[in-house]
Amino acid sequence: MANTIGVIGLGNMGGGMAASLARAGFTVLGIDTVQAARDRASAAGVRVVGEIAALAGEADAILTMLPDSPDVEACMLGPGGVVEHVRPGTLIIEASTIAPATTKAVAAALIAKGCAFIDAPVGRAPSNAADGTLLFMVGGAPEDFDLAKAYLDAMGTDIHHCGPVGTGIAMKLVLNLLGQSTCQLSAEVMALGLKMGLSMETLHPILTGGIGRNGFVADYWPTKVLRGDTEPGFAIRLSAKDLRLAAAMAEEAGAPIPTGAAAAAAVNRAAETHGELDVSGMLTVACENAGVKSTFG
């Protein structure tokens, strides 16, 4: 197994993924525009380089973890990008949450260059990226999935091959539609309970102990907003982006999602004023909207 992988995007998720790969014994090259991200990656054993050309010239595989579709398009297809410099035979692991059309366009360009390609977006939180316990949803040919498996195993504990190219990102958007809509509804419910005079000490164990239990309220919020921490993490603006992508995919597919569309609209409104809060800060937004205490911890 070739063992050099380049990681483009060393932020909250990509940085942890790069560190997990280095910990597993791979030679890891990394690129990011933010100095703090580069410094963290370097401390974790990643060799930071300045140009895609240098990374592509050495790497056997390239993983991208970037914020949005335009970022991936510029990185992959733009001047000085991966398509321009990649060597035939390189494995591409595209892990960003982006529009399915972008995934397919990027895949076509790279496959035409003789590369193997999988779309492999992730589930779970930055802490899971850091400790190698991510969930992966993979789209790609079986032989390309097999090529990627050792890298994915270094970063995750649950690896699902969903089908051909494009099915990984479709699965991720379906998952995020459920998760982020649940987060929005949970925030509204919690704010309503507080407005009705119920305490957080009453609300939390009952809401997490009944049939409506979900991972955001039970597992994630206690590590973030409920202890007064709304630094992302995963920002509300990114949640809004993911829900817009999911709603667009549903509309294109002709699959009505009235509840999901309402949640997407609510999260988009929150992003206009609170977009840099962690997604658990949807509780802060809902409490402010309801006129109740919005600080915790």
C-alpha atoms as a PDB file:
ATOM      1  CA  MET A   1       0.000   0.000   0.000  1.00  0.00           C
ATOM      2  CA  ALA A   2       1.380   3.362  -0.998  1.00  0.00           C
ATOM      3  CA  ASN A   3       1.604   5.514   2.089  1.00  0.00           C
ATOM      4  CA  THR A   4       1.841   9.222   1.235  1.00  0.00           C
ATOM      5  CA  ILE A   5      -1.394  11.226   1.376  1.00  0.00           C
ATOM      6  CA  GLY A   6      -1.918  14.933   0.886  1.00  0.00           C
ATOM      7  CA  VAL A   7      -4.699  16.694   2.817  1.00  0.00           C
ATOM      8  CA  ILE A   8      -6.083  19.951   1.424  1.00  0.00           C
ATOM      9  CA  GLY A   9      -7.996  21.764   4.175  1.00  0.00           C
ATOM     10  CA  LEU A  10      -6.651  21.483   7.733  1.00  0.00           C
ATOM     11  CA  GLY A  11      -9.540  23.083   9.636  1.00  0.00           C
ATOM     12  CA  ASN A  12     -11.647  21.640  12.445  1.00  0.00           C
ATOM     13  CA  MET A  13     -12.374  18.437  10.512  1.00  0.00           C
ATOM     14  CA  GLY A  14      -9.508  18.167   8.034  1.00  0.00           C
ATOM     15  CA  GLY A  15      -6.881  18.887  10.668  1.00  0.00           C
ATOM     16  CA  GLY A  16      -8.108  16.063  12.856  1.00  0.00           C
ATOM     17  CA  MET A  17      -8.286  13.730   9.874  1.00  0.00           C
ATOM     18  CA  ALA A  18      -4.705  14.581   8.891  1.00  0.00           C
ATOM     19  CA  ALA A  19      -3.553  13.974  12.466  1.00  0.00           C
ATOM     20  CA  SER A  20      -5.301  10.579  12.517  1.00  0.00           C
ATOM     21  CA  LEU A  21      -3.591   9.599   9.270  1.00  0.00           C
ATOM     22  CA  ALA A  22      -0.194  10.630  10.636  1.00  0.00           C
ATOM     23  CA  ARG A  23      -0.839   8.708  13.860  1.00  0.00           C
ATOM     24  CA  ALA A  24      -1.626   5.614  11.773  1.00  0.00           C
ATOM     25  CA  GLY A  25       1.818   5.794  10.159  1.00  0.00           C
ATOM     26  CA  PHE A  26       1.070   7.472   6.833  1.00  0.00           C
ATOM     27  CA  THR A  27       3.286  10.232   5.511  1.00  0.00           C
ATOM     28  CA  VAL A  28       0.919  13.214   5.464  1.00  0.00           C
ATOM     29  CA  LEU A  29       1.357  16.430   3.508  1.00  0.00           C
ATOM     30  CA  GLY A  30      -0.997  19.308   4.207  1.00  0.00           C
ATOM     31  CA  ILE A  31      -2.179  22.642   2.793  1.00  0.00           C
ATOM     32  CA  ASP A  32      -4.297  25.352   4.398  1.00  0.00           C
ATOM     33  CA  THR A  33      -4.663  29.108   4.036  1.00  0.00           C
ATOM     34  CA  VAL A  34      -4.843  29.698   7.819  1.00  0.00           C
ATOM     35  CA  GLN A  35      -1.576  29.848   9.759  1.00  0.00           C
ATOM     36  CA  ALA A  36      -3.083  28.494  12.988  1.00  0.00           C
ATOM     37  CA  ALA A  37      -4.376  25.427  11.129  1.00  0.00           C
ATOM     38  CA  ARG A  38      -0.974  24.893   9.554  1.00  0.00           C
ATOM     39  CA  ASP A  39       0.715  25.154  12.955  1.00  0.00           C
ATOM     40  CA  ARG A  40      -1.662  22.631  14.563  1.00  0.00           C
ATOM     41  CA  ALA A  41      -1.155  20.201  11.700  1.00  0.00           C
ATOM     42  CA  SER A  42       2.612  20.540  11.862  1.00  0.00           C
ATOM     43  CA  ALA A  43       2.546  19.802  15.597  1.00  0.00           C
ATOM     44  CA  ALA A  44       0.541  16.642  14.826  1.00  0.00           C
ATOM     45  CA  GLY A  45       3.166  15.297  12.431  1.00  0.00           C
ATOM     46  CA  VAL A  46       1.867  16.692   9.137  1.00  0.00           C
ATOM     47  CA  ARG A  47       4.422  18.159   6.708  1.00  0.00           C
ATOM     48  CA  VAL A  48       2.874  21.435   5.594  1.00  0.00           C
ATOM     49  CA  VAL A  49       3.555  22.545   2.015  1.00  0.00           C
ATOM     50  CA  GLY A  50       2.680  25.769   0.234  1.00  0.00           C
ATOM     51  CA  GLU A  51       1.416  24.710  -3.184  1.00  0.00           C
ATOM     52  CA  ILE A  52      -0.886  22.065  -4.623  1.00  0.00           C
ATOM     53  CA  ALA A  53       1.795  21.310  -7.216  1.00  0.00           C
ATOM     54  CA  ALA A  54       4.227  20.211  -4.494  1.00  0.00           C
ATOM     55  CA  LEU A  55       1.597  18.102  -2.752  1.00  0.00           C
ATOM     56  CA  ALA A  56       0.332  16.471  -5.962  1.00  0.00           C
ATOM     57  CA  GLY A  57       3.857  15.698  -7.127  1.00  0.00           C
ATOM     58  CA  GLU A  58       4.521  13.483  -4.124  1.00  0.00           C
ATOM     59  CA  ALA A  59       1.205  12.145  -2.856  1.00  0.00           C
ATOM     60  CA  ASP A  60      -0.184   8.705  -3.699  1.00  0.00           C
ATOM     61  CA  ALA A  61      -3.593   9.923  -2.511  1.00  0.00           C
ATOM     62  CA  ILE A  62      -5.159  13.362  -2.027  1.00  0.00           C
ATOM     63  CA  LEU A  63      -7.948  14.097   0.448  1.00  0.00           C
ATOM     64  CA  THR A  64      -9.919  17.336   0.302  1.00  0.00           C
ATOM     65  CA  MET A  65     -11.961  18.694   3.216  1.00  0.00           C
ATOM     66  CA  LEU A  66     -13.153  22.174   2.246  1.00  0.00           C
ATOM     67  CA  PRO A  67     -16.108  24.375   3.274  1.00  0.00           C
ATOM     68  CA  ASP A  68     -18.270  24.629   0.148  1.00  0.00           C
ATOM     69  CA  SER A  69     -18.697  23.827  -3.547  1.00  0.00           C
ATOM     70  CA  PRO A  70     -16.836  26.924  -4.884  1.00  0.00           C
ATOM     71  CA  ASP A  71     -13.835  26.075  -2.693  1.00  0.00           C
ATOM     72  CA  VAL A  72     -13.693  22.553  -4.101  1.00  0.00           C
ATOM     73  CA  GLU A  73     -14.139  23.779  -7.667  1.00  0.00           C
ATOM     74  CA  ALA A  74     -11.275  26.264  -7.289  1.00  0.00           C
ATOM     75  CA  CYS A  75      -9.005  23.738  -5.578  1.00  0.00           C
ATOM     76  CA  MET A  76      -9.676  20.933  -8.019  1.00  0.00           C
ATOM     77  CA  LEU A  77     -10.434  22.596 -11.332  1.00  0.00           C
ATOM     78  CA  GLY A  78      -8.977  26.101 -11.069  1.00  0.00           C
ATOM     79  CA  PRO A  79      -5.562  27.422 -12.138  1.00  0.00           C
ATOM     80  CA  GLY A  80      -2.816  25.694 -10.182  1.00  0.00           C
ATOM     81  CA  GLY A  81      -5.328  23.150  -8.911  1.00  0.00           C
ATOM     82  CA  VAL A  82      -5.333  19.405  -8.510  1.00  0.00           C
ATOM     83  CA  VAL A  83      -6.460  18.545 -12.053  1.00  0.00           C
ATOM     84  CA  GLU A  84      -3.591  20.616 -13.447  1.00  0.00           C
ATOM     85  CA  HIS A  85      -0.890  18.940 -11.346  1.00  0.00           C
ATOM     86  CA  VAL A  86      -2.131  15.488 -10.337  1.00  0.00           C
ATOM     87  CA  ARG A  87      -0.300  12.386 -11.506  1.00  0.00           C
ATOM     88  CA  PRO A  88      -2.271   9.599 -13.228  1.00  0.00           C
ATOM     89  CA  GLY A  89      -2.997   6.790 -10.795  1.00  0.00           C
ATOM     90  CA  THR A  90      -3.466   9.087  -7.788  1.00  0.00           C
ATOM     91  CA  LEU A  91      -6.409   8.261  -5.528  1.00  0.00           C
ATOM     92  CA  ILE A  92      -8.676  11.246  -4.803  1.00  0.00           C
ATOM     93  CA  ILE A  93     -10.807  11.214  -1.639  1.00  0.00           C
ATOM     94  CA  GLU A  94     -13.242  14.150  -1.755  1.00  0.00           C
ATOM     95  CA  ALA A  95     -14.693  14.499   1.751  1.00  0.00           C
ATOM     96  CA  SER A  96     -16.296  17.956   1.624  1.00  0.00           C
ATOM     97  CA  THR A  97     -20.057  18.505   1.908  1.00  0.00           C
ATOM     98  CA  ILE A  98     -20.862  20.068  -1.461  1.00  0.00           C
ATOM     99  CA  ALA A  99     -23.444  20.047  -4.239  1.00  0.00           C
ATOM    100  CA  PRO A 100     -23.764  16.615  -5.892  1.00  0.00           C
ATOM    101  CA  ALA A 101     -23.328  18.271  -9.296  1.00  0.00           C
ATOM    102  CA  THR A 102     -19.947  19.608  -8.166  1.00  0.00           C
ATOM    103  CA  THR A 103     -18.917  16.172  -6.943  1.00  0.00           C
ATOM    104  CA  LYS A 104     -19.766  14.633 -10.302  1.00  0.00           C
ATOM    105  CA  ALA A 105     -18.038  17.376 -12.332  1.00  0.00           C
ATOM    106  CA  VAL A 106     -14.863  17.101 -10.270  1.00  0.00           C
ATOM    107  CA  ALA A 107     -14.955  13.300 -10.453  1.00  0.00           C
ATOM    108  CA  ALA A 108     -15.296  13.371 -14.251  1.00  0.00           C
ATOM    109  CA  ALA A 109     -12.323  15.716 -14.638  1.00  0.00           C
ATOM    110  CA  LEU A 110     -10.090  13.653 -12.379  1.00  0.00           C
ATOM    111  CA  ILE A 111     -11.103  10.298 -13.820  1.00  0.00           C
ATOM    112  CA  ALA A 112     -10.301  11.728 -17.265  1.00  0.00           C
ATOM    113  CA  LYS A 113      -6.790  12.433 -15.908  1.00  0.00           C
ATOM    114  CA  GLY A 114      -6.406   8.766 -15.000  1.00  0.00           C
ATOM    115  CA  CYS A 115      -7.131   9.121 -11.269  1.00  0.00           C
ATOM    116  CA  ALA A 116      -9.215   6.938  -8.997  1.00  0.00           C
ATOM    117  CA  PHE A 117     -11.972   8.932  -7.270  1.00  0.00           C
ATOM    118  CA  ILE A 118     -14.328   8.478  -4.350  1.00  0.00           C
ATOM    119  CA  ASP A 119     -16.643  10.945  -2.666  1.00  0.00           C
ATOM    120  CA  ALA A 120     -16.371  10.233   1.050  1.00  0.00           C
ATOM    121  CA  PRO A 121     -18.104  12.850   3.197  1.00  0.00           C
ATOM    122  CA  VAL A 122     -18.110  12.297   6.925  1.00  0.00           C
ATOM    123  CA  GLY A 123     -20.507  12.180   9.827  1.00  0.00           C
ATOM    124  CA  ARG A 124     -19.856  13.119  13.461  1.00  0.00           C
ATOM    125  CA  ALA A 125     -17.914  15.922  15.122  1.00  0.00           C
ATOM    126  CA  PRO A 126     -14.415  17.454  15.139  1.00  0.00           C
ATOM    127  CA  SER A 127     -13.602  15.398  18.239  1.00  0.00           C
ATOM    128  CA  ASN A 128     -14.249  12.257  16.177  1.00  0.00           C
ATOM    129  CA  ALA A 129     -11.994  13.549  13.412  1.00  0.00           C
ATOM    130  CA  ALA A 130      -9.271  14.056  16.004  1.00  0.00           C
ATOM    131  CA  ASP A 131      -9.533  10.590  17.526  1.00  0.00           C
ATOM    132  CA  GLY A 132     -10.167   8.646  14.315  1.00  0.00           C
ATOM    133  CA  THR A 133     -13.793   7.675  14.963  1.00  0.00           C
ATOM    134  CA  LEU A 134     -15.586   9.304  12.028  1.00  0.00           C
ATOM    135  CA  LEU A 135     -18.389   7.784   9.978  1.00  0.00           C
ATOM    136  CA  PHE A 136     -17.730   7.730   6.215  1.00  0.00           C
ATOM    137  CA  MET A 137     -20.321   7.559   3.437  1.00  0.00           C
ATOM    138  CA  VAL A 138     -18.534   6.553   0.245  1.00  0.00           C
ATOM    139  CA  GLY A 139     -19.478   6.781  -3.408  1.00  0.00           C
ATOM    140  CA  GLY A 140     -17.179   5.192  -5.972  1.00  0.00           C
ATOM    141  CA  ALA A 141     -16.275   2.102  -7.937  1.00  0.00           C
ATOM    142  CA  PRO A 142     -15.642  -0.979  -5.757  1.00  0.00           C
ATOM    143  CA  GLU A 143     -11.985  -1.112  -6.760  1.00  0.00           C
ATOM    144  CA  ASP A 144     -11.491   2.558  -5.804  1.00  0.00           C
ATOM    145  CA  PHE A 145     -13.247   1.979  -2.485  1.00  0.00           C
ATOM    146  CA  ASP A 146     -10.811  -0.881  -1.852  1.00  0.00           C
ATOM    147  CA  LEU A 147      -7.864   1.426  -2.648  1.00  0.00           C
ATOM    148  CA  ALA A 148      -9.131   3.969  -0.134  1.00  0.00           C
ATOM    149  CA  LYS A 149     -10.035   1.569   2.656  1.00  0.00           C
ATOM    150  CA  ALA A 150      -6.757   1.733   4.596  1.00  0.00           C
ATOM    151  CA  TYR A 151      -6.874   5.530   4.649  1.00  0.00           C
ATOM    152  CA  LEU A 152     -10.532   5.550   5.691  1.00  0.00           C
ATOM    153  CA  ASP A 153      -9.905   3.002   8.425  1.00  0.00           C
ATOM    154  CA  ALA A 154      -7.228   5.298   9.871  1.00  0.00           C
ATOM    155  CA  MET A 155      -9.794   8.097  10.198  1.00  0.00           C
ATOM    156  CA  GLY A 156     -13.050   6.319  10.967  1.00  0.00           C
ATOM    157  CA  THR A 157     -14.756   3.401  12.646  1.00  0.00           C
ATOM    158  CA  ASP A 158     -17.872   3.159  10.462  1.00  0.00           C
ATOM    159  CA  ILE A 159     -17.226   2.977   6.716  1.00  0.00           C
ATOM    160  CA  HIS A 160     -20.229   2.577   4.390  1.00  0.00           C
ATOM    161  CA  HIS A 161     -19.905   2.026   0.630  1.00  0.00           C
ATOM    162  CA  CYS A 162     -23.121   3.580  -0.649  1.00  0.00           C
ATOM    163  CA  GLY A 163     -22.734   2.920  -4.392  1.00  0.00           C
ATOM    164  CA  PRO A 164     -21.163   4.678  -7.400  1.00  0.00           C
ATOM    165  CA  VAL A 165     -19.678   8.183  -7.446  1.00  0.00           C
ATOM    166  CA  GLY A 166     -22.194  10.694  -6.110  1.00  0.00           C
ATOM    167  CA  THR A 167     -23.981   8.376  -3.683  1.00  0.00           C
ATOM    168  CA  GLY A 168     -21.682   9.295  -0.805  1.00  0.00           C
ATOM    169  CA  ILE A 169     -22.563  12.986  -0.968  1.00  0.00           C
ATOM    170  CA  ALA A 170     -26.243  12.160  -1.538  1.00  0.00           C
ATOM    171  CA  MET A 171     -26.216  10.062   1.641  1.00  0.00           C
ATOM    172  CA  LYS A 172     -24.448  12.842   3.562  1.00  0.00           C
ATOM    173  CA  LEU A 173     -27.070  15.410   2.557  1.00  0.00           C
ATOM    174  CA  VAL A 174     -29.879  13.027   3.542  1.00  0.00           C
ATOM    175  CA  LEU A 175     -28.164  12.476   6.914  1.00  0.00           C
ATOM    176  CA  ASN A 176     -27.637  16.196   7.484  1.00  0.00           C
ATOM    177  CA  LEU A 177     -31.198  17.011   6.514  1.00  0.00           C
ATOM    178  CA  LEU A 178     -32.339  14.764   9.362  1.00  0.00           C
ATOM    179  CA  GLY A 179     -29.660  15.830  11.838  1.00  0.00           C
ATOM    180  CA  GLN A 180     -29.752  19.584  11.287  1.00  0.00           C
ATOM    181  CA  SER A 181     -33.554  19.675  11.116  1.00  0.00           C
ATOM    182  CA  THR A 182     -33.627  17.758  14.403  1.00  0.00           C
ATOM    183  CA  CYS A 183     -31.193  20.258  15.914  1.00  0.00           C
ATOM    184  CA  GLN A 184     -33.449  23.156  14.913  1.00  0.00           C
ATOM    185  CA  LEU A 185     -36.606  21.514  16.272  1.00  0.00           C
ATOM    186  CA  SER A 186     -34.822  20.495  19.470  1.00  0.00           C
ATOM    187  CA  ALA A 187     -33.737  24.098  20.043  1.00  0.00           C
ATOM    188  CA  GLU A 188     -37.308  25.334  19.588  1.00  0.00           C
ATOM    189  CA  VAL A 189     -38.680  22.672  21.930  1.00  0.00           C
ATOM    190  CA  MET A 190     -36.095  23.427  24.617  1.00  0.00           C
ATOM    191  CA  ALA A 191     -36.775  27.174  24.378  1.00  0.00           C
ATOM    192  CA  LEU A 192     -40.535  26.523  24.664  1.00  0.00           C
ATOM    193  CA  GLY A 193     -39.993  24.435  27.782  1.00  0.00           C
ATOM    194  CA  LEU A 194     -37.884  27.173  29.361  1.00  0.00           C
ATOM    195  CA  LYS A 195     -40.522  29.753  28.423  1.00  0.00           C
ATOM    196  CA  MET A 196     -43.144  27.628  30.198  1.00  0.00           C
ATOM    197  CA  GLY A 197     -41.106  27.746  33.409  1.00  0.00           C
ATOM    198  CA  LEU A 198     -39.437  24.351  33.199  1.00  0.00           C
ATOM    199  CA  SER A 199     -35.790  24.224  34.242  1.00  0.00           C
ATOM    200  CA  MET A 200     -32.963  22.848  32.136  1.00  0.00           C
ATOM    201  CA  GLU A 201     -32.389  20.321  34.932  1.00  0.00           C
ATOM    202  CA  THR A 202     -35.921  19.035  34.302  1.00  0.00           C
ATOM    203  CA  LEU A 203     -35.976  19.340  30.528  1.00  0.00           C
ATOM    204  CA  HIS A 204     -32.696  17.701  29.610  1.00  0.00           C
ATOM    205  CA  PRO A 205     -33.038  14.272  31.260  1.00  0.00           C
ATOM    206  CA  ILE A 206     -36.648  13.902  30.126  1.00  0.00           C
ATOM    207  CA  LEU A 207     -36.054  14.999  26.526  1.00  0.00           C
ATOM    208  CA  THR A 208     -33.050  12.687  26.289  1.00  0.00           C
ATOM    209  CA  GLY A 209     -34.805   9.786  27.991  1.00  0.00           C
ATOM    210  CA  GLY A 210     -37.928   9.579  25.868  1.00  0.00           C
ATOM    211  CA  ILE A 211     -38.863   8.615  22.337  1.00  0.00           C
ATOM    212  CA  GLY A 212     -37.706  11.986  20.986  1.00  0.00           C
ATOM    213  CA  ARG A 213     -34.098  11.440  22.116  1.00  0.00           C
ATOM    214  CA  ASN A 214     -31.472  12.572  19.608  1.00  0.00           C
ATOM    215  CA  GLY A 215     -27.704  12.796  19.520  1.00  0.00           C
ATOM    216  CA  PHE A 216     -27.568  16.574  19.414  1.00  0.00           C
ATOM    217  CA  VAL A 217     -29.395  17.104  22.698  1.00  0.00           C
ATOM    218  CA  ALA A 218     -28.150  13.948  24.431  1.00  0.00           C
ATOM    219  CA  ASP A 219     -24.505  13.887  23.378  1.00  0.00           C
ATOM    220  CA  TYR A 220     -23.351  17.047  21.601  1.00  0.00           C
ATOM    221  CA  TRP A 221     -25.079  19.945  23.358  1.00  0.00           C
ATOM    222  CA  PRO A 222     -23.698  18.948  26.803  1.00  0.00           C
ATOM    223  CA  THR A 223     -20.166  19.323  25.382  1.00  0.00           C
ATOM    224  CA  LYS A 224     -20.913  22.726  23.819  1.00  0.00           C
ATOM    225  CA  VAL A 225     -23.814  25.140  24.369  1.00  0.00           C
ATOM    226  CA  LEU A 226     -25.000  23.663  27.680  1.00  0.00           C
ATOM    227  CA  ARG A 227     -21.604  24.386  29.202  1.00  0.00           C
ATOM    228  CA  GLY A 228     -21.498  27.869  27.697  1.00  0.00           C
ATOM    229  CA  ASP A 229     -19.302  27.050  24.699  1.00  0.00           C
ATOM    230  CA  THR A 230     -20.609  28.202  21.311  1.00  0.00           C
ATOM    231  CA  GLU A 231     -17.267  28.423  19.506  1.00  0.00           C
ATOM    232  CA  PRO A 232     -17.393  26.154  16.440  1.00  0.00           C
ATOM    233  CA  GLY A 233     -17.050  23.194  16.118  1.00  0.00           C
ATOM    234  CA  PHE A 234     -19.384  23.191  13.216  1.00  0.00           C
ATOM    235  CA  ALA A 235     -20.810  26.642  12.591  1.00  0.00           C
ATOM    236  CA  ILE A 236     -24.465  27.538  12.039  1.00  0.00           C
ATOM    237  CA  ARG A 237     -23.514  29.037   8.652  1.00  0.00           C
ATOM    238  CA  LEU A 238     -22.244  25.611   7.552  1.00  0.00           C
ATOM    239  CA  SER A 239     -25.407  23.939   8.827  1.00  0.00           C
ATOM    240  CA  ALA A 240     -27.413  26.427   6.752  1.00  0.00           C
ATOM    241  CA  LYS A 241     -25.284  25.628   3.707  1.00  0.00           C
ATOM    242  CA  ASP A 242     -25.813  21.893   4.143  1.00  0.00           C
ATOM    243  CA  LEU A 243     -29.570  22.321   4.479  1.00  0.00           C
ATOM    244  CA  ARG A 244     -29.696  24.510   1.354  1.00  0.00           C
ATOM    245  CA  LEU A 245     -27.849  21.777  -0.532  1.00  0.00           C
ATOM    246  CA  ALA A 246     -30.202  19.091   0.796  1.00  0.00           C
ATOM    247  CA  ALA A 247     -33.290  21.150  -0.089  1.00  0.00           C
ATOM    248  CA  ALA A 248     -31.958  21.763  -3.609  1.00  0.00           C
ATOM    249  CA  MET A 249     -31.247  18.051  -4.048  1.00  0.00           C
ATOM    250  CA  ALA A 250     -34.778  17.197  -2.897  1.00  0.00           C
ATOM    251  CA  GLU A 251     -36.333  19.730  -5.256  1.00  0.00           C
ATOM    252  CA  GLU A 252     -34.307  18.423  -8.191  1.00  0.00           C
ATOM    253  CA  ALA A 253     -35.331  14.865  -7.310  1.00  0.00           C
ATOM    254  CA  GLY A 254     -39.010  15.812  -7.012  1.00  0.00           C
ATOM    255  CA  ALA A 255     -39.189  14.635  -3.403  1.00  0.00           C
ATOM    256  CA  PRO A 256     -41.188  17.058  -1.219  1.00  0.00           C
ATOM    257  CA  ILE A 257     -39.636  17.827   2.181  1.00  0.00           C
ATOM    258  CA  PRO A 258     -41.972  20.417   3.767  1.00  0.00           C
ATOM    259  CA  THR A 259     -40.673  19.875   7.306  1.00  0.00           C
ATOM    260  CA  GLY A 260     -37.051  19.899   6.182  1.00  0.00           C
ATOM    261  CA  ALA A 261     -37.657  23.005   4.069  1.00  0.00           C
ATOM    262  CA  ALA A 262     -39.097  24.816   7.083  1.00  0.00           C
ATOM    263  CA  ALA A 263     -36.069  23.819   9.162  1.00  0.00           C
ATOM    264  CA  ALA A 264     -33.730  24.966   6.382  1.00  0.00           C
ATOM    265  CA  ALA A 265     -35.460  28.359   6.283  1.00  0.00           C
ATOM    266  CA  ALA A 266     -35.160  28.743  10.062  1.00  0.00           C
ATOM    267  CA  VAL A 267     -31.476  27.826  10.109  1.00  0.00           C
ATOM    268  CA  ASN A 268     -30.795  30.186   7.201  1.00  0.00           C
ATOM    269  CA  ARG A 269     -32.416  33.014   9.177  1.00  0.00           C
ATOM    270  CA  ALA A 270     -30.275  32.143  12.194  1.00  0.00           C
ATOM    271  CA  ALA A 271     -27.158  32.149  10.029  1.00  0.00           C
ATOM    272  CA  GLU A 272     -27.822  35.748   8.998  1.00  0.00           C
ATOM    273  CA  THR A 273     -27.289  36.967  12.565  1.00  0.00           C
ATOM    274  CA  HIS A 274     -25.537  34.107  14.405  1.00  0.00           C
ATOM    275  CA  GLY A 275     -23.723  32.297  11.609  1.00  0.00           C
ATOM    276  CA  GLU A 276     -20.383  32.010  13.408  1.00  0.00           C
ATOM    277  CA  LEU A 277     -21.823  30.291  16.478  1.00  0.00           C
ATOM    278  CA  ASP A 278     -21.424  26.553  16.834  1.00  0.00           C
ATOM    279  CA  VAL A 279     -24.477  24.690  15.563  1.00  0.00           C
ATOM    280  CA  SER A 280     -25.415  23.896  19.161  1.00  0.00           C
ATOM    281  CA  GLY A 281     -25.921  27.662  19.419  1.00  0.00           C
ATOM    282  CA  MET A 282     -29.241  27.119  17.626  1.00  0.00           C
ATOM    283  CA  LEU A 283     -30.454  26.794  21.220  1.00  0.00           C
ATOM    284  CA  THR A 284     -29.135  30.295  21.945  1.00  0.00           C
ATOM    285  CA  VAL A 285     -30.981  31.626  18.888  1.00  0.00           C
ATOM    286  CA  ALA A 286     -34.245  29.883  19.808  1.00  0.00           C
ATOM    287  CA  CYS A 287     -34.055  31.183  23.374  1.00  0.00           C
ATOM    288  CA  GLU A 288     -33.439  34.733  22.178  1.00  0.00           C
ATOM    289  CA  ASN A 289     -36.414  34.423  19.829  1.00  0.00           C
ATOM    290  CA  ALA A 290     -38.571  33.189  22.720  1.00  0.00           C
ATOM    291  CA  GLY A 291     -37.358  35.887  25.106  1.00  0.00           C
ATOM    292  CA  VAL A 292     -35.839  33.531  27.664  1.00  0.00           C
ATOM    293  CA  LYS A 293     -32.359  33.132  29.179  1.00  0.00           C
ATOM    294  CA  SER A 294     -29.943  32.267  26.379  1.00  0.00           C
ATOM    295  CA  THR A 295     -26.707  31.669  28.299  1.00  0.00           C
ATOM    296  CA  PHE A 296     -25.869  28.354  29.911  1.00  0.00           C
ATOM    297  CA  GLY A 297     -23.020  26.713  31.715  1.00  0.00           C
END
